[in-house]
Amino acid sequence: MPGDRAAHLVSAAELRDTPPARLVLLDVRTAGERANYQREHLPGARFADVDADLSGTPTADSGARPLPDTDHLTESLRRWGIHPDSTVVVYDDARSVAAARAWWVLRWAGLTDVRILDGGLRAWHRTAGTFRTAGTPGGSNTLGEPGTAVARPGALPVIETSGVAALPGRGTLFDARPLAHFHGAGEYPGHIPGAISAPVFDDFDGDGLLLDEATLRARYHRLGVDAGTPAASYCGSAMAAALQVFVLATLGIEVALYPGSLSQWVADPARPLTTEPSVALTNS
């Protein structure tokens, strides 16, 4: 099945030279990074908070970043000026992880034209694109007319905790974190049994640009994943996993996201983790 990168990805040069007519730009970061947004962002970009706008309120067993409340998400879409026919381009300055969270949530909410800026803010720098700052007219997240979009969740597949353990027996469960984390380093001591290590950052070059389609397709084919293969991705809090869902979407391959990821999985001590070796996806 052929991929469609243009439906999910836009280059900095394309965005600079031929921006879509109904464009909404979202600069996606955590609340603590708002000062970075104010210091420098793309002209007209609105600030989107990963936690306040794109996640729900966590509970003891929900995971760190549960899916957002539908009404609250609708309020955010309208505050950003998004209409049903808008083209939304999301970006960040952190290897597209936060941007991928926005891409996934907005697509899941039913928006049909959401794209990630390939390479994010660094790529925009390299194209000599202009910037706005808090001291620049129009650069302080000034909004125009409110949007009319309505969040209608369910447009992208998810997998719940109850289905995660059974997936490796009938499909593929990707662990999108770095390989060392898969084997027990980092916040969580290991991985879900049966998962395959597929570090999502290996899908990008040193400048943070997505690798070419042929390379990516060959890599995931080696893991037995093609269009129609039951598959899902997880990480710590469904951020890197959302990036992996995005990468596979550019190949025309739909996989589910485990929104709770390991932060939800470990909430129940009865759910096991393992550090046993498994298949690893690398650049080799």
Protein backbone atom coordinates (compact mmCIF):
# COMPACT_ATOMS: atom_id res chain seq x y z
CA MET A 1 0.00 0.00 0.00
CA PRO A 2 1.60 3.31 -1.02
CA GLY A 3 2.22 5.92 1.61
CA ASP A 4 1.08 9.52 1.47
CA ARG A 5 3.68 11.65 3.21
CA ALA A 6 2.13 14.86 1.91
CA ALA A 7 -1.07 14.13 3.83
CA HIS A 8 0.83 14.00 7.11
CA LEU A 9 4.10 15.91 6.65
CA VAL A 10 5.14 19.30 5.30
CA SER A 11 8.66 20.59 4.75
CA ALA A 12 9.83 23.95 6.03
CA ALA A 13 10.39 25.15 2.46
CA GLU A 14 6.87 24.15 1.43
CA LEU A 15 5.38 25.87 4.45
CA ARG A 16 7.42 29.03 3.86
CA ASP A 17 6.85 29.29 0.11
CA THR A 18 3.36 27.83 -0.46
CA PRO A 19 1.41 27.80 2.82
CA PRO A 20 -2.10 26.30 2.65
CA ALA A 21 -4.97 28.77 2.32
CA ARG A 22 -6.80 27.77 5.52
CA LEU A 23 -3.68 27.35 7.65
CA VAL A 24 -3.57 27.13 11.44
CA LEU A 25 -0.12 26.76 13.01
CA LEU A 26 0.29 25.21 16.45
CA ASP A 27 3.50 25.50 18.45
CA VAL A 28 3.30 22.50 20.77
CA ARG A 29 5.19 22.45 24.08
CA THR A 30 4.76 21.87 27.79
CA ALA A 31 3.64 24.68 30.08
CA GLY A 32 7.21 25.12 31.29
CA GLU A 33 8.32 25.86 27.73
CA ARG A 34 5.90 28.73 27.13
CA ALA A 35 8.76 31.20 27.58
CA ASN A 36 10.56 29.52 24.67
CA TYR A 37 7.46 30.00 22.54
CA GLN A 38 7.28 33.65 23.53
CA ARG A 39 10.93 34.11 22.67
CA GLU A 40 10.61 32.60 19.20
CA HIS A 41 7.89 30.98 17.11
CA LEU A 42 6.61 30.83 13.57
CA PRO A 43 4.52 33.83 12.48
CA GLY A 44 0.90 33.34 13.50
CA ALA A 45 1.54 30.15 15.47
CA ARG A 46 -0.69 29.58 18.50
CA PHE A 47 0.64 27.98 21.67
CA ALA A 48 -0.67 24.47 22.41
CA ASP A 49 0.05 22.98 25.84
CA VAL A 50 0.73 19.23 25.75
CA ASP A 51 -0.89 18.69 29.14
CA ALA A 52 -3.49 21.43 29.52
CA ASP A 53 -4.81 21.25 25.94
CA LEU A 54 -3.95 17.79 24.61
CA SER A 55 -4.34 15.57 27.68
CA GLY A 56 -6.93 14.87 30.33
CA THR A 57 -6.47 15.06 34.08
CA PRO A 58 -4.49 12.02 35.22
CA THR A 59 -5.83 9.69 37.89
CA ALA A 60 -4.20 6.93 39.88
CA ASP A 61 -4.81 4.38 37.11
CA SER A 62 -5.14 6.47 33.95
CA GLY A 63 -1.51 6.93 33.02
CA ALA A 64 0.38 10.22 32.94
CA ARG A 65 -1.38 11.69 29.90
CA PRO A 66 -4.90 10.32 29.44
CA LEU A 67 -6.94 11.36 26.43
CA PRO A 68 -8.48 14.83 26.70
CA ASP A 69 -12.10 15.48 27.57
CA THR A 70 -14.13 16.02 24.39
CA ASP A 71 -15.71 19.32 25.42
CA HIS A 72 -12.41 20.72 26.64
CA LEU A 73 -10.69 19.71 23.42
CA THR A 74 -13.45 21.37 21.39
CA GLU A 75 -12.85 24.57 23.36
CA SER A 76 -9.15 24.39 22.52
CA LEU A 77 -9.80 23.78 18.82
CA ARG A 78 -12.06 26.82 18.68
CA ARG A 79 -9.68 28.99 20.70
CA TRP A 80 -6.95 28.14 18.18
CA GLY A 81 -9.23 29.24 15.33
CA ILE A 82 -9.60 25.77 13.79
CA HIS A 83 -12.48 25.09 11.40
CA PRO A 84 -13.48 21.70 9.95
CA ASP A 85 -11.74 22.58 6.66
CA SER A 86 -8.59 24.05 8.22
CA THR A 87 -5.13 22.72 7.44
CA VAL A 88 -3.39 22.42 10.79
CA VAL A 89 0.41 22.27 10.88
CA VAL A 90 1.98 21.36 14.21
CA TYR A 91 5.61 21.67 15.23
CA ASP A 92 7.92 21.74 18.24
CA ASP A 93 11.62 22.06 19.00
CA ALA A 94 12.03 18.58 20.52
CA ARG A 95 12.33 16.03 17.69
CA SER A 96 8.60 16.22 16.87
CA VAL A 97 7.49 14.28 19.97
CA ALA A 98 5.17 17.00 21.27
CA ALA A 99 4.04 17.78 17.73
CA ALA A 100 3.16 14.13 17.22
CA ARG A 101 0.97 14.21 20.33
CA ALA A 102 -0.94 17.12 18.78
CA TRP A 103 -1.09 15.41 15.38
CA TRP A 104 -2.49 12.25 16.93
CA VAL A 105 -5.02 13.94 19.24
CA LEU A 106 -6.36 16.18 16.47
CA ARG A 107 -6.61 13.30 13.99
CA TRP A 108 -8.23 11.13 16.66
CA ALA A 109 -10.70 13.97 17.26
CA GLY A 110 -11.81 13.84 13.62
CA LEU A 111 -9.78 16.59 11.93
CA THR A 112 -8.78 15.38 8.50
CA ASP A 113 -5.92 17.69 7.51
CA VAL A 114 -3.25 17.76 10.21
CA ARG A 115 0.45 17.70 9.33
CA ILE A 116 3.75 17.81 11.16
CA LEU A 117 6.44 20.29 10.14
CA ASP A 118 9.33 18.02 9.16
CA GLY A 119 12.27 18.82 11.42
CA GLY A 120 10.29 21.33 13.47
CA LEU A 121 11.73 24.63 14.56
CA ARG A 122 15.28 23.64 13.61
CA ALA A 123 14.24 23.03 10.00
CA TRP A 124 12.50 26.39 9.93
CA HIS A 125 15.75 27.98 11.11
CA ARG A 126 17.66 26.29 8.30
CA THR A 127 15.29 27.63 5.64
CA ALA A 128 15.80 31.18 6.96
CA GLY A 129 12.13 31.39 7.80
CA THR A 130 11.00 34.47 9.70
CA PHE A 131 10.00 34.43 13.36
CA ARG A 132 7.71 36.29 15.68
CA THR A 133 8.47 37.07 19.32
CA ALA A 134 6.52 38.45 22.26
CA GLY A 135 7.83 41.87 21.33
CA THR A 136 6.85 41.63 17.67
CA PRO A 137 3.45 42.90 16.55
CA GLY A 138 1.16 39.92 16.12
CA GLY A 139 3.66 37.67 17.83
CA SER A 140 2.08 37.21 21.25
CA ASN A 141 -0.37 34.45 20.29
CA THR A 142 -2.99 36.97 19.20
CA LEU A 143 -6.06 35.11 17.99
CA GLY A 144 -8.52 36.07 15.31
CA GLU A 145 -12.08 34.82 15.04
CA PRO A 146 -12.81 31.63 17.00
CA GLY A 147 -13.01 28.39 15.10
CA THR A 148 -16.01 26.16 14.58
CA ALA A 149 -14.43 22.70 14.77
CA VAL A 150 -15.96 20.09 17.06
CA ALA A 151 -13.94 17.24 18.57
CA ARG A 152 -15.40 13.88 17.57
CA PRO A 153 -13.10 11.26 19.13
CA GLY A 154 -12.57 7.85 17.62
CA ALA A 155 -11.13 8.58 14.18
CA LEU A 156 -7.84 6.82 15.06
CA PRO A 157 -7.61 3.43 16.77
CA VAL A 158 -6.55 2.92 20.36
CA ILE A 159 -5.83 -0.18 22.38
CA GLU A 160 -6.79 -0.43 26.02
CA THR A 161 -4.77 -2.05 28.77
CA SER A 162 -7.00 -5.14 28.68
CA GLY A 163 -5.95 -5.81 25.08
CA VAL A 164 -2.26 -5.02 25.31
CA ALA A 165 -1.05 -8.29 26.83
CA ALA A 166 -2.86 -10.37 24.20
CA LEU A 167 -1.65 -8.40 21.18
CA PRO A 168 1.80 -10.03 20.77
CA GLY A 169 0.08 -13.38 20.22
CA ARG A 170 -1.83 -12.13 17.18
CA GLY A 171 0.07 -9.06 16.02
CA THR A 172 2.89 -6.69 16.93
CA LEU A 173 3.34 -4.50 19.99
CA PHE A 174 5.99 -1.82 19.49
CA ASP A 175 7.98 -0.22 22.30
CA ALA A 176 8.91 3.17 20.83
CA ARG A 177 11.43 4.13 23.52
CA PRO A 178 15.23 4.00 23.20
CA LEU A 179 16.66 0.48 23.34
CA ALA A 180 18.30 1.05 26.75
CA HIS A 181 14.90 1.87 28.24
CA PHE A 182 13.45 -1.28 26.70
CA HIS A 183 16.07 -3.26 28.62
CA GLY A 184 15.43 -1.58 31.96
CA ALA A 185 17.10 1.84 32.00
CA GLY A 186 15.10 5.00 32.51
CA GLU A 187 11.89 5.49 34.44
CA TYR A 188 10.39 2.04 33.90
CA PRO A 189 12.29 -1.21 34.62
CA GLY A 190 11.82 -3.02 31.33
CA HIS A 191 9.06 -3.56 28.80
CA ILE A 192 5.73 -5.28 28.36
CA PRO A 193 6.26 -9.00 27.68
CA GLY A 194 6.13 -9.81 23.99
CA ALA A 195 6.82 -6.24 22.87
CA ILE A 196 9.35 -5.49 20.13
CA SER A 197 11.89 -2.72 20.56
CA ALA A 198 11.45 -0.20 17.76
CA PRO A 199 13.05 3.10 18.86
CA VAL A 200 11.13 5.73 16.95
CA PHE A 201 14.02 8.21 16.85
CA ASP A 202 15.80 5.77 14.52
CA ASP A 203 13.19 6.80 11.94
CA PHE A 204 14.76 10.27 11.68
CA ASP A 205 18.12 11.58 10.55
CA GLY A 206 20.53 13.70 12.58
CA ASP A 207 18.64 16.88 11.68
CA GLY A 208 15.34 15.47 12.90
CA LEU A 209 13.97 14.93 9.38
CA LEU A 210 11.93 11.84 8.60
CA LEU A 211 13.84 9.18 6.65
CA ASP A 212 12.77 8.30 3.12
CA GLU A 213 9.78 6.06 2.54
CA ALA A 214 11.74 3.12 1.12
CA THR A 215 14.03 2.96 4.15
CA LEU A 216 11.15 3.16 6.60
CA ARG A 217 9.04 0.63 4.75
CA ALA A 218 11.91 -1.86 4.66
CA ARG A 219 12.59 -1.37 8.36
CA TYR A 220 9.04 -2.06 9.46
CA HIS A 221 8.65 -4.88 6.96
CA ARG A 222 11.60 -6.62 8.65
CA LEU A 223 9.55 -6.54 11.83
CA GLY A 224 6.62 -8.15 10.06
CA VAL A 225 4.45 -5.04 9.93
CA ASP A 226 2.71 -4.05 6.72
CA ALA A 227 -0.71 -2.61 5.95
CA GLY A 228 -3.33 -4.81 7.60
CA THR A 229 -1.04 -6.20 10.32
CA PRO A 230 -2.60 -5.83 13.80
CA ALA A 231 -0.18 -3.57 15.64
CA ALA A 232 0.03 -0.98 18.41
CA SER A 233 2.68 1.26 19.91
CA TYR A 234 3.44 2.41 23.45
CA CYS A 235 6.15 4.30 25.32
CA GLY A 236 6.16 5.96 28.73
CA SER A 237 3.24 8.37 28.36
CA ALA A 238 2.12 7.93 24.71
CA MET A 239 4.26 10.74 23.29
CA ALA A 240 6.98 8.84 21.41
CA ALA A 241 4.36 6.22 20.60
CA ALA A 242 2.22 8.87 18.90
CA LEU A 243 5.28 9.76 16.82
CA GLN A 244 5.57 6.12 15.77
CA VAL A 245 1.89 6.00 14.80
CA PHE A 246 2.58 9.09 12.70
CA VAL A 247 5.63 7.53 10.99
CA LEU A 248 3.65 4.46 10.04
CA ALA A 249 0.76 6.61 8.81
CA THR A 250 3.11 8.19 6.27
CA LEU A 251 3.57 4.64 4.92
CA GLY A 252 -0.17 4.01 4.73
CA ILE A 253 0.00 1.65 7.73
CA GLU A 254 -2.50 2.21 10.53
CA VAL A 255 -1.52 1.09 14.02
CA ALA A 256 -3.22 1.68 17.34
CA LEU A 257 -1.92 3.87 20.14
CA TYR A 258 -1.86 2.66 23.73
CA PRO A 259 -2.77 5.99 25.37
CA GLY A 260 -1.97 4.89 28.92
CA SER A 261 1.37 3.37 27.91
CA LEU A 262 3.76 2.24 30.64
CA SER A 263 2.64 4.92 33.07
CA GLN A 264 -0.76 3.18 33.12
CA TRP A 265 0.56 -0.38 32.78
CA VAL A 266 2.67 -0.15 35.95
CA ALA A 267 -0.21 1.31 38.00
CA ASP A 268 -1.21 -2.29 38.71
CA PRO A 269 1.69 -4.24 40.28
CA ALA A 270 0.20 -7.45 38.88
CA ARG A 271 1.05 -6.40 35.34
CA PRO A 272 4.53 -7.71 34.56
CA LEU A 273 7.52 -6.03 33.00
CA THR A 274 10.51 -7.90 31.64
CA THR A 275 14.06 -7.08 30.61
CA GLU A 276 14.47 -10.22 28.51
CA PRO A 277 16.06 -9.60 25.10
CA SER A 278 13.74 -9.07 22.17
CA VAL A 279 13.94 -7.94 18.56
CA ALA A 280 15.41 -4.44 18.24
CA LEU A 281 14.97 -2.03 15.36
CA THR A 282 18.14 -0.08 14.64
CA ASN A 283 19.70 1.93 11.85
CA SER A 284 21.70 -1.07 10.69
